[in-house]
PDB file of N, CA and C in Angstrom:
ATOM      1  N   MET A   1      18.433 -79.895  64.295  1.00  0.00           N
ATOM      2  CA  MET A   1      17.495 -78.857  64.732  1.00  0.00           C
ATOM      3  C   MET A   1      17.986 -77.511  64.318  1.00  0.00           C
ATOM      4  N   ALA A   2      17.058 -76.605  64.109  1.00  0.00           N
ATOM      5  CA  ALA A   2      17.397 -75.264  63.641  1.00  0.00           C
ATOM      6  C   ALA A   2      18.119 -74.476  64.693  1.00  0.00           C
ATOM      7  N   ASP A   3      18.884 -73.503  64.229  1.00  0.00           N
ATOM      8  CA  ASP A   3      19.594 -72.611  65.161  1.00  0.00           C
ATOM      9  C   ASP A   3      18.522 -71.939  66.038  1.00  0.00           C
ATOM     10  N   GLN A   4      18.701 -71.998  67.321  1.00  0.00           N
ATOM     11  CA  GLN A   4      17.682 -71.506  68.300  1.00  0.00           C
ATOM     12  C   GLN A   4      17.416 -70.000  68.124  1.00  0.00           C
ATOM     13  N   LYS A   5      18.474 -69.222  67.859  1.00  0.00           N
ATOM     14  CA  LYS A   5      18.259 -67.788  67.687  1.00  0.00           C
ATOM     15  C   LYS A   5      17.425 -67.487  66.453  1.00  0.00           C
ATOM     16  N   LEU A   6      17.666 -68.203  65.361  1.00  0.00           N
ATOM     17  CA  LEU A   6      16.906 -68.001  64.154  1.00  0.00           C
ATOM     18  C   LEU A   6      15.443 -68.450  64.348  1.00  0.00           C
ATOM     19  N   GLU A   7      15.270 -69.582  65.028  1.00  0.00           N
ATOM     20  CA  GLU A   7      13.901 -70.054  65.308  1.00  0.00           C
ATOM     21  C   GLU A   7      13.145 -69.042  66.172  1.00  0.00           C
ATOM     22  N   ASN A   8      13.822 -68.508  67.180  1.00  0.00           N
ATOM     23  CA  ASN A   8      13.166 -67.513  68.011  1.00  0.00           C
ATOM     24  C   ASN A   8      12.785 -66.257  67.227  1.00  0.00           C
ATOM     25  N   TYR A   9      13.737 -65.863  66.356  1.00  0.00           N
ATOM     26  CA  TYR A   9      13.428 -64.709  65.494  1.00  0.00           C
ATOM     27  C   TYR A   9      12.207 -64.925  64.625  1.00  0.00           C
ATOM     28  N   VAL A  10      12.161 -66.096  63.945  1.00  0.00           N
ATOM     29  CA  VAL A  10      11.043 -66.365  63.076  1.00  0.00           C
ATOM     30  C   VAL A  10       9.727 -66.398  63.859  1.00  0.00           C
ATOM     31  N   ARG A  11       9.734 -67.076  64.984  1.00  0.00           N
ATOM     32  CA  ARG A  11       8.511 -67.094  65.836  1.00  0.00           C
ATOM     33  C   ARG A  11       8.087 -65.707  66.267  1.00  0.00           C
ATOM     34  N   ALA A  12       9.021 -64.893  66.644  1.00  0.00           N
ATOM     35  CA  ALA A  12       8.663 -63.499  67.069  1.00  0.00           C
ATOM     36  C   ALA A  12       8.148 -62.709  65.898  1.00  0.00           C
ATOM     37  N   ALA A  13       8.813 -62.825  64.725  1.00  0.00           N
ATOM     38  CA  ALA A  13       8.358 -62.084  63.569  1.00  0.00           C
ATOM     39  C   ALA A  13       6.960 -62.507  63.127  1.00  0.00           C
ATOM     40  N   LEU A  14       6.681 -63.809  63.155  1.00  0.00           N
ATOM     41  CA  LEU A  14       5.354 -64.283  62.803  1.00  0.00           C
ATOM     42  C   LEU A  14       4.327 -63.743  63.822  1.00  0.00           C
ATOM     43  N   ALA A  15       4.651 -63.773  65.090  1.00  0.00           N
ATOM     44  CA  ALA A  15       3.714 -63.267  66.089  1.00  0.00           C
ATOM     45  C   ALA A  15       3.465 -61.775  65.915  1.00  0.00           C
ATOM     46  N   LEU A  16       4.524 -61.008  65.619  1.00  0.00           N
ATOM     47  CA  LEU A  16       4.336 -59.585  65.410  1.00  0.00           C
ATOM     48  C   LEU A  16       3.446 -59.254  64.190  1.00  0.00           C
ATOM     49  N   GLN A  17       3.486 -60.149  63.190  1.00  0.00           N
ATOM     50  CA  GLN A  17       2.668 -59.946  61.992  1.00  0.00           C
ATOM     51  C   GLN A  17       1.269 -60.514  62.173  1.00  0.00           C
ATOM     52  N   GLY A  18       1.011 -61.198  63.278  1.00  0.00           N
ATOM     53  CA  GLY A  18      -0.303 -61.725  63.553  1.00  0.00           C
ATOM     54  C   GLY A  18      -0.540 -63.152  63.010  1.00  0.00           C
ATOM     55  N   TYR A  19       0.507 -63.850  62.636  1.00  0.00           N
ATOM     56  CA  TYR A  19       0.331 -65.161  62.091  1.00  0.00           C
ATOM     57  C   TYR A  19       0.360 -66.204  63.259  1.00  0.00           C
ATOM     58  N   ASP A  20      -0.440 -67.234  63.093  1.00  0.00           N
ATOM     59  CA  ASP A  20      -0.496 -68.281  64.114  1.00  0.00           C
ATOM     60  C   ASP A  20      -0.549 -69.645  63.360  1.00  0.00           C
ATOM     61  N   PHE A  21       0.659 -70.075  62.893  1.00  0.00           N
ATOM     62  CA  PHE A  21       0.775 -71.306  62.138  1.00  0.00           C
ATOM     63  C   PHE A  21       0.923 -72.482  63.099  1.00  0.00           C
ATOM     64  N   ASN A  22       0.640 -73.687  62.601  1.00  0.00           N
ATOM     65  CA  ASN A  22       0.916 -74.891  63.372  1.00  0.00           C
ATOM     66  C   ASN A  22       2.398 -75.131  63.409  1.00  0.00           C
ATOM     67  N   PRO A  23       2.888 -75.942  64.373  1.00  0.00           N
ATOM     68  CA  PRO A  23       4.335 -76.192  64.510  1.00  0.00           C
ATOM     69  C   PRO A  23       5.047 -76.680  63.248  1.00  0.00           C
ATOM     70  N   ALA A  24       4.370 -77.500  62.461  1.00  0.00           N
ATOM     71  CA  ALA A  24       4.996 -78.042  61.221  1.00  0.00           C
ATOM     72  C   ALA A  24       5.197 -76.893  60.223  1.00  0.00           C
ATOM     73  N   ARG A  25       4.232 -76.044  60.068  1.00  0.00           N
ATOM     74  CA  ARG A  25       4.358 -74.913  59.136  1.00  0.00           C
ATOM     75  C   ARG A  25       5.425 -73.959  59.615  1.00  0.00           C
ATOM     76  N   THR A  26       5.495 -73.713  60.906  1.00  0.00           N
ATOM     77  CA  THR A  26       6.516 -72.816  61.470  1.00  0.00           C
ATOM     78  C   THR A  26       7.908 -73.428  61.209  1.00  0.00           C
ATOM     79  N   ALA A  27       8.066 -74.713  61.350  1.00  0.00           N
ATOM     80  CA  ALA A  27       9.357 -75.367  61.093  1.00  0.00           C
ATOM     81  C   ALA A  27       9.738 -75.223  59.641  1.00  0.00           C
ATOM     82  N   ASP A  28       8.775 -75.283  58.716  1.00  0.00           N
ATOM     83  CA  ASP A  28       9.068 -75.057  57.291  1.00  0.00           C
ATOM     84  C   ASP A  28       9.546 -73.650  57.030  1.00  0.00           C
ATOM     85  N   ILE A  29       8.943 -72.693  57.721  1.00  0.00           N
ATOM     86  CA  ILE A  29       9.360 -71.291  57.569  1.00  0.00           C
ATOM     87  C   ILE A  29      10.761 -71.087  58.096  1.00  0.00           C
ATOM     88  N   VAL A  30      11.090 -71.687  59.214  1.00  0.00           N
ATOM     89  CA  VAL A  30      12.427 -71.637  59.795  1.00  0.00           C
ATOM     90  C   VAL A  30      13.430 -72.215  58.822  1.00  0.00           C
ATOM     91  N   THR A  31      13.095 -73.341  58.193  1.00  0.00           N
ATOM     92  CA  THR A  31      13.974 -73.969  57.188  1.00  0.00           C
ATOM     93  C   THR A  31      14.225 -73.018  56.006  1.00  0.00           C
ATOM     94  N   GLN A  32      13.181 -72.337  55.568  1.00  0.00           N
ATOM     95  CA  GLN A  32      13.369 -71.375  54.479  1.00  0.00           C
ATOM     96  C   GLN A  32      14.288 -70.235  54.885  1.00  0.00           C
ATOM     97  N   PHE A  33      14.163 -69.761  56.114  1.00  0.00           N
ATOM     98  CA  PHE A  33      15.024 -68.686  56.612  1.00  0.00           C
ATOM     99  C   PHE A  33      16.470 -69.167  56.704  1.00  0.00           C
ATOM    100  N   GLU A  34      16.687 -70.439  57.061  1.00  0.00           N
ATOM    101  CA  GLU A  34      18.029 -71.008  57.082  1.00  0.00           C
ATOM    102  C   GLU A  34      18.641 -70.967  55.671  1.00  0.00           C
ATOM    103  N   ARG A  35      17.831 -71.311  54.683  1.00  0.00           N
ATOM    104  CA  ARG A  35      18.305 -71.278  53.284  1.00  0.00           C
ATOM    105  C   ARG A  35      18.617 -69.875  52.852  1.00  0.00           C
ATOM    106  N   ILE A  36      17.759 -68.938  53.190  1.00  0.00           N
ATOM    107  CA  ILE A  36      18.018 -67.534  52.863  1.00  0.00           C
ATOM    108  C   ILE A  36      19.301 -67.039  53.491  1.00  0.00           C
ATOM    109  N   GLU A  37      19.498 -67.413  54.767  1.00  0.00           N
ATOM    110  CA  GLU A  37      20.722 -67.029  55.472  1.00  0.00           C
ATOM    111  C   GLU A  37      21.963 -67.618  54.809  1.00  0.00           C
ATOM    112  N   ALA A  38      21.877 -68.840  54.345  1.00  0.00           N
ATOM    113  CA  ALA A  38      23.032 -69.481  53.672  1.00  0.00           C
ATOM    114  C   ALA A  38      23.340 -68.758  52.355  1.00  0.00           C
ATOM    115  N   LEU A  39      22.324 -68.367  51.604  1.00  0.00           N
ATOM    116  CA  LEU A  39      22.563 -67.634  50.350  1.00  0.00           C
ATOM    117  C   LEU A  39      23.143 -66.263  50.619  1.00  0.00           C
ATOM    118  N   ALA A  40      22.667 -65.610  51.631  1.00  0.00           N
ATOM    119  CA  ALA A  40      23.163 -64.257  51.952  1.00  0.00           C
ATOM    120  C   ALA A  40      24.606 -64.344  52.420  1.00  0.00           C
ATOM    121  N   GLN A  41      24.964 -65.405  53.157  1.00  0.00           N
ATOM    122  CA  GLN A  41      26.324 -65.528  53.665  1.00  0.00           C
ATOM    123  C   GLN A  41      27.326 -65.645  52.506  1.00  0.00           C
ATOM    124  N   VAL A  42      26.932 -66.261  51.419  1.00  0.00           N
ATOM    125  CA  VAL A  42      27.831 -66.353  50.252  1.00  0.00           C
ATOM    126  C   VAL A  42      28.166 -64.941  49.791  1.00  0.00           C
ATOM    127  N   LEU A  43      27.209 -64.078  49.714  1.00  0.00           N
ATOM    128  CA  LEU A  43      27.441 -62.726  49.267  1.00  0.00           C
ATOM    129  C   LEU A  43      28.239 -61.935  50.290  1.00  0.00           C
ATOM    130  N   LEU A  44      27.999 -62.143  51.540  1.00  0.00           N
ATOM    131  CA  LEU A  44      28.689 -61.427  52.611  1.00  0.00           C
ATOM    132  C   LEU A  44      30.163 -61.857  52.714  1.00  0.00           C
ATOM    133  N   ASP A  45      30.453 -63.050  52.263  1.00  0.00           N
ATOM    134  CA  ASP A  45      31.820 -63.561  52.346  1.00  0.00           C
ATOM    135  C   ASP A  45      32.759 -62.925  51.307  1.00  0.00           C
ATOM    136  N   VAL A  46      32.192 -62.264  50.274  1.00  0.00           N
ATOM    137  CA  VAL A  46      32.993 -61.676  49.240  1.00  0.00           C
ATOM    138  C   VAL A  46      33.292 -60.225  49.625  1.00  0.00           C
ATOM    139  N   GLU A  47      34.570 -59.909  49.680  1.00  0.00           N
ATOM    140  CA  GLU A  47      34.996 -58.551  50.031  1.00  0.00           C
ATOM    141  C   GLU A  47      35.237 -57.757  48.762  1.00  0.00           C
ATOM    142  N   PRO A  48      34.432 -56.730  48.504  1.00  0.00           N
ATOM    143  CA  PRO A  48      34.635 -55.947  47.291  1.00  0.00           C
ATOM    144  C   PRO A  48      35.953 -55.151  47.401  1.00  0.00           C
ATOM    145  N   PRO A  49      36.599 -54.903  46.256  1.00  0.00           N
ATOM    146  CA  PRO A  49      37.802 -54.125  46.292  1.00  0.00           C
ATOM    147  C   PRO A  49      37.521 -52.687  46.745  1.00  0.00           C
ATOM    148  N   LEU A  50      38.528 -52.048  47.364  1.00  0.00           N
ATOM    149  CA  LEU A  50      38.346 -50.700  47.909  1.00  0.00           C
ATOM    150  C   LEU A  50      37.985 -49.722  46.776  1.00  0.00           C
ATOM    151  N   GLU A  51      38.477 -49.952  45.599  1.00  0.00           N
ATOM    152  CA  GLU A  51      38.227 -48.970  44.500  1.00  0.00           C
ATOM    153  C   GLU A  51      36.888 -49.206  43.826  1.00  0.00           C
ATOM    154  N   ALA A  52      36.130 -50.170  44.224  1.00  0.00           N
ATOM    155  CA  ALA A  52      34.808 -50.418  43.635  1.00  0.00           C
ATOM    156  C   ALA A  52      33.823 -49.318  44.067  1.00  0.00           C
ATOM    157  N   GLU A  53      33.109 -48.819  43.119  1.00  0.00           N
ATOM    158  CA  GLU A  53      32.150 -47.755  43.361  1.00  0.00           C
ATOM    159  C   GLU A  53      30.782 -48.183  42.785  1.00  0.00           C
ATOM    160  N   PRO A  54      29.717 -47.714  43.343  1.00  0.00           N
ATOM    161  CA  PRO A  54      28.392 -48.052  42.767  1.00  0.00           C
ATOM    162  C   PRO A  54      28.205 -47.326  41.447  1.00  0.00           C
ATOM    163  N   ALA A  55      27.474 -47.969  40.561  1.00  0.00           N
ATOM    164  CA  ALA A  55      27.173 -47.387  39.254  1.00  0.00           C
ATOM    165  C   ALA A  55      26.276 -46.176  39.465  1.00  0.00           C
ATOM    166  N   PRO A  56      26.555 -45.050  38.778  1.00  0.00           N
ATOM    167  CA  PRO A  56      25.734 -43.858  38.976  1.00  0.00           C
ATOM    168  C   PRO A  56      24.323 -44.051  38.413  1.00  0.00           C
ATOM    169  N   VAL A  57      24.157 -44.824  37.363  1.00  0.00           N
ATOM    170  CA  VAL A  57      22.842 -45.080  36.770  1.00  0.00           C
ATOM    171  C   VAL A  57      22.762 -46.515  36.360  1.00  0.00           C
ATOM    172  N   PHE A  58      21.687 -47.175  36.740  1.00  0.00           N
ATOM    173  CA  PHE A  58      21.482 -48.560  36.316  1.00  0.00           C
ATOM    174  C   PHE A  58      20.536 -48.588  35.138  1.00  0.00           C
ATOM    175  N   ARG A  59      21.014 -49.194  34.031  1.00  0.00           N
ATOM    176  CA  ARG A  59      20.168 -49.339  32.864  1.00  0.00           C
ATOM    177  C   ARG A  59      20.304 -50.783  32.365  1.00  0.00           C
ATOM    178  N   PRO A  60      19.295 -51.565  32.573  1.00  0.00           N
ATOM    179  CA  PRO A  60      19.356 -52.978  32.168  1.00  0.00           C
ATOM    180  C   PRO A  60      19.469 -53.129  30.661  1.00  0.00           C
TER     181      PRO A  60
END
């Protein structure tokens, strides 16, 4: 079962936006948020070096 805090967050966010999905659809959305959280955690686990600075101009 999904993390209860995350599920509560998703349900509250959907309600605030005016969405009223069936329970199966809401469960799918919670699953997607779990995946997003897992991807974000990978980035948050990396500690940048203290001397790292943002690029002044981004040019692809």
